Amino acid sequence: MSPDQQSEYVIRQMRDAVLDTDVKIVQLINQRLTQVRRLRDYKQDQGIPFVDPERERWMHSYLQGANRGPLSPSGLDAIYDEILALTKRETETQA
């Protein structure tokens, strides 16, 4: 195998590993959406507000403590803020 072929093989393997991780991320986001949909429906049936800012602050803090890197604290906040916003949008449109 030539050095170019070896490099192409290694890059392909690394890209496949990244893609496998991306598929898992999508599966987990879908799982989260399903769980939150159930929670949202239950809270709606009980007359409880869906959004709980105190819980969101607690979850941010908990995840910061669970994060072992290399994701930075600000990176985690950015991703989690987007996950929360996405979850609210997605579960609202499925109502």
C-alpha atoms as a PDB file:
ATOM      1  CA  MET A   1       0.000   0.000   0.000  1.00  0.00           C
ATOM      2  CA  SER A   2       1.417   3.350  -1.003  1.00  0.00           C
ATOM      3  CA  PRO A   3       1.647   6.203   1.529  1.00  0.00           C
ATOM      4  CA  ASP A   4      -1.204   7.993  -0.288  1.00  0.00           C
ATOM      5  CA  GLN A   5      -3.385   4.888  -0.157  1.00  0.00           C
ATOM      6  CA  GLN A   6      -2.569   4.401   3.497  1.00  0.00           C
ATOM      7  CA  SER A   7      -3.472   8.021   4.257  1.00  0.00           C
ATOM      8  CA  GLU A   8      -6.750   7.679   2.361  1.00  0.00           C
ATOM      9  CA  TYR A   9      -7.544   4.498   4.297  1.00  0.00           C
ATOM     10  CA  VAL A  10      -6.782   6.098   7.665  1.00  0.00           C
ATOM     11  CA  ILE A  11      -8.840   9.186   6.804  1.00  0.00           C
ATOM     12  CA  ARG A  12     -11.748   7.013   5.665  1.00  0.00           C
ATOM     13  CA  GLN A  13     -11.615   5.040   8.917  1.00  0.00           C
ATOM     14  CA  MET A  14     -11.574   8.228  10.984  1.00  0.00           C
ATOM     15  CA  ARG A  15     -14.451   9.724   8.983  1.00  0.00           C
ATOM     16  CA  ASP A  16     -16.457   6.513   9.417  1.00  0.00           C
ATOM     17  CA  ALA A  17     -15.894   6.688  13.175  1.00  0.00           C
ATOM     18  CA  VAL A  18     -17.076  10.321  13.222  1.00  0.00           C
ATOM     19  CA  LEU A  19     -20.137   9.385  11.158  1.00  0.00           C
ATOM     20  CA  ASP A  20     -20.948   6.532  13.553  1.00  0.00           C
ATOM     21  CA  THR A  21     -20.813   9.021  16.418  1.00  0.00           C
ATOM     22  CA  ASP A  22     -23.033  11.460  14.504  1.00  0.00           C
ATOM     23  CA  VAL A  23     -25.630   8.714  13.943  1.00  0.00           C
ATOM     24  CA  LYS A  24     -25.606   8.001  17.689  1.00  0.00           C
ATOM     25  CA  ILE A  25     -26.071  11.707  18.436  1.00  0.00           C
ATOM     26  CA  VAL A  26     -29.118  11.833  16.132  1.00  0.00           C
ATOM     27  CA  GLN A  27     -30.552   8.702  17.768  1.00  0.00           C
ATOM     28  CA  LEU A  28     -30.070  10.196  21.232  1.00  0.00           C
ATOM     29  CA  ILE A  29     -31.649  13.507  20.232  1.00  0.00           C
ATOM     30  CA  ASN A  30     -34.639  11.619  18.847  1.00  0.00           C
ATOM     31  CA  GLN A  31     -34.854   9.644  22.087  1.00  0.00           C
ATOM     32  CA  ARG A  32     -34.723  12.896  24.074  1.00  0.00           C
ATOM     33  CA  LEU A  33     -37.476  14.409  21.931  1.00  0.00           C
ATOM     34  CA  THR A  34     -39.707  11.394  22.562  1.00  0.00           C
ATOM     35  CA  GLN A  35     -39.121  11.577  26.310  1.00  0.00           C
ATOM     36  CA  VAL A  36     -39.707  15.326  26.472  1.00  0.00           C
ATOM     37  CA  ARG A  37     -42.862  14.986  24.335  1.00  0.00           C
ATOM     38  CA  ARG A  38     -44.248  12.586  26.961  1.00  0.00           C
ATOM     39  CA  LEU A  39     -43.239  14.972  29.756  1.00  0.00           C
ATOM     40  CA  ARG A  40     -44.768  17.940  27.949  1.00  0.00           C
ATOM     41  CA  ASP A  41     -48.041  16.066  27.369  1.00  0.00           C
ATOM     42  CA  TYR A  42     -48.219  15.002  31.020  1.00  0.00           C
ATOM     43  CA  LYS A  43     -47.502  18.495  32.311  1.00  0.00           C
ATOM     44  CA  GLN A  44     -50.100  19.926  29.928  1.00  0.00           C
ATOM     45  CA  ASP A  45     -52.699  17.405  31.162  1.00  0.00           C
ATOM     46  CA  GLN A  46     -51.898  18.398  34.755  1.00  0.00           C
ATOM     47  CA  GLY A  47     -52.007  22.139  34.044  1.00  0.00           C
ATOM     48  CA  ILE A  48     -48.307  22.516  34.865  1.00  0.00           C
ATOM     49  CA  PRO A  49     -46.209  24.973  32.837  1.00  0.00           C
ATOM     50  CA  PHE A  50     -43.905  23.158  30.456  1.00  0.00           C
ATOM     51  CA  VAL A  51     -40.866  25.412  30.800  1.00  0.00           C
ATOM     52  CA  ASP A  52     -39.172  25.348  34.204  1.00  0.00           C
ATOM     53  CA  PRO A  53     -36.306  27.872  34.241  1.00  0.00           C
ATOM     54  CA  GLU A  54     -35.074  26.612  37.631  1.00  0.00           C
ATOM     55  CA  ARG A  55     -34.800  23.064  36.244  1.00  0.00           C
ATOM     56  CA  GLU A  56     -32.987  24.335  33.154  1.00  0.00           C
ATOM     57  CA  ARG A  57     -30.436  26.158  35.333  1.00  0.00           C
ATOM     58  CA  TRP A  58     -29.982  23.015  37.437  1.00  0.00           C
ATOM     59  CA  MET A  59     -29.491  20.884  34.307  1.00  0.00           C
ATOM     60  CA  HIS A  60     -26.841  23.286  32.986  1.00  0.00           C
ATOM     61  CA  SER A  61     -24.993  23.085  36.294  1.00  0.00           C
ATOM     62  CA  TYR A  62     -25.325  19.293  36.496  1.00  0.00           C
ATOM     63  CA  LEU A  63     -24.017  18.806  32.968  1.00  0.00           C
ATOM     64  CA  GLN A  64     -21.090  21.150  33.614  1.00  0.00           C
ATOM     65  CA  GLY A  65     -20.149  18.910  36.533  1.00  0.00           C
ATOM     66  CA  ALA A  66     -20.518  15.778  34.404  1.00  0.00           C
ATOM     67  CA  ASN A  67     -18.472  17.164  31.499  1.00  0.00           C
ATOM     68  CA  ARG A  68     -14.957  15.727  31.421  1.00  0.00           C
ATOM     69  CA  GLY A  69     -13.870  17.467  28.222  1.00  0.00           C
ATOM     70  CA  PRO A  70     -12.492  18.184  25.785  1.00  0.00           C
ATOM     71  CA  LEU A  71     -15.767  20.116  25.358  1.00  0.00           C
ATOM     72  CA  SER A  72     -15.276  23.533  26.962  1.00  0.00           C
ATOM     73  CA  PRO A  73     -17.783  24.884  29.505  1.00  0.00           C
ATOM     74  CA  SER A  74     -18.856  27.585  27.043  1.00  0.00           C
ATOM     75  CA  GLY A  75     -19.160  24.991  24.276  1.00  0.00           C
ATOM     76  CA  LEU A  76     -21.341  22.830  26.504  1.00  0.00           C
ATOM     77  CA  ASP A  77     -23.546  25.823  27.332  1.00  0.00           C
ATOM     78  CA  ALA A  78     -23.922  26.662  23.634  1.00  0.00           C
ATOM     79  CA  ILE A  79     -24.824  23.102  22.649  1.00  0.00           C
ATOM     80  CA  TYR A  80     -27.192  22.604  25.555  1.00  0.00           C
ATOM     81  CA  ASP A  81     -28.930  25.946  24.961  1.00  0.00           C
ATOM     82  CA  GLU A  82     -29.529  24.863  21.384  1.00  0.00           C
ATOM     83  CA  ILE A  83     -30.751  21.412  22.448  1.00  0.00           C
ATOM     84  CA  LEU A  84     -33.234  23.038  24.834  1.00  0.00           C
ATOM     85  CA  ALA A  85     -34.440  25.466  22.153  1.00  0.00           C
ATOM     86  CA  LEU A  86     -34.692  22.689  19.569  1.00  0.00           C
ATOM     87  CA  THR A  87     -36.584  20.458  21.977  1.00  0.00           C
ATOM     88  CA  LYS A  88     -39.100  23.200  22.734  1.00  0.00           C
ATOM     89  CA  ARG A  89     -39.642  23.862  19.012  1.00  0.00           C
ATOM     90  CA  GLU A  90     -39.881  20.217  18.023  1.00  0.00           C
ATOM     91  CA  THR A  91     -42.216  19.159  20.806  1.00  0.00           C
ATOM     92  CA  GLU A  92     -44.429  22.209  20.250  1.00  0.00           C
ATOM     93  CA  THR A  93     -44.910  21.496  16.552  1.00  0.00           C
ATOM     94  CA  GLN A  94     -45.804  17.867  17.287  1.00  0.00           C
ATOM     95  CA  ALA A  95     -48.558  18.896  19.715  1.00  0.00           C
END
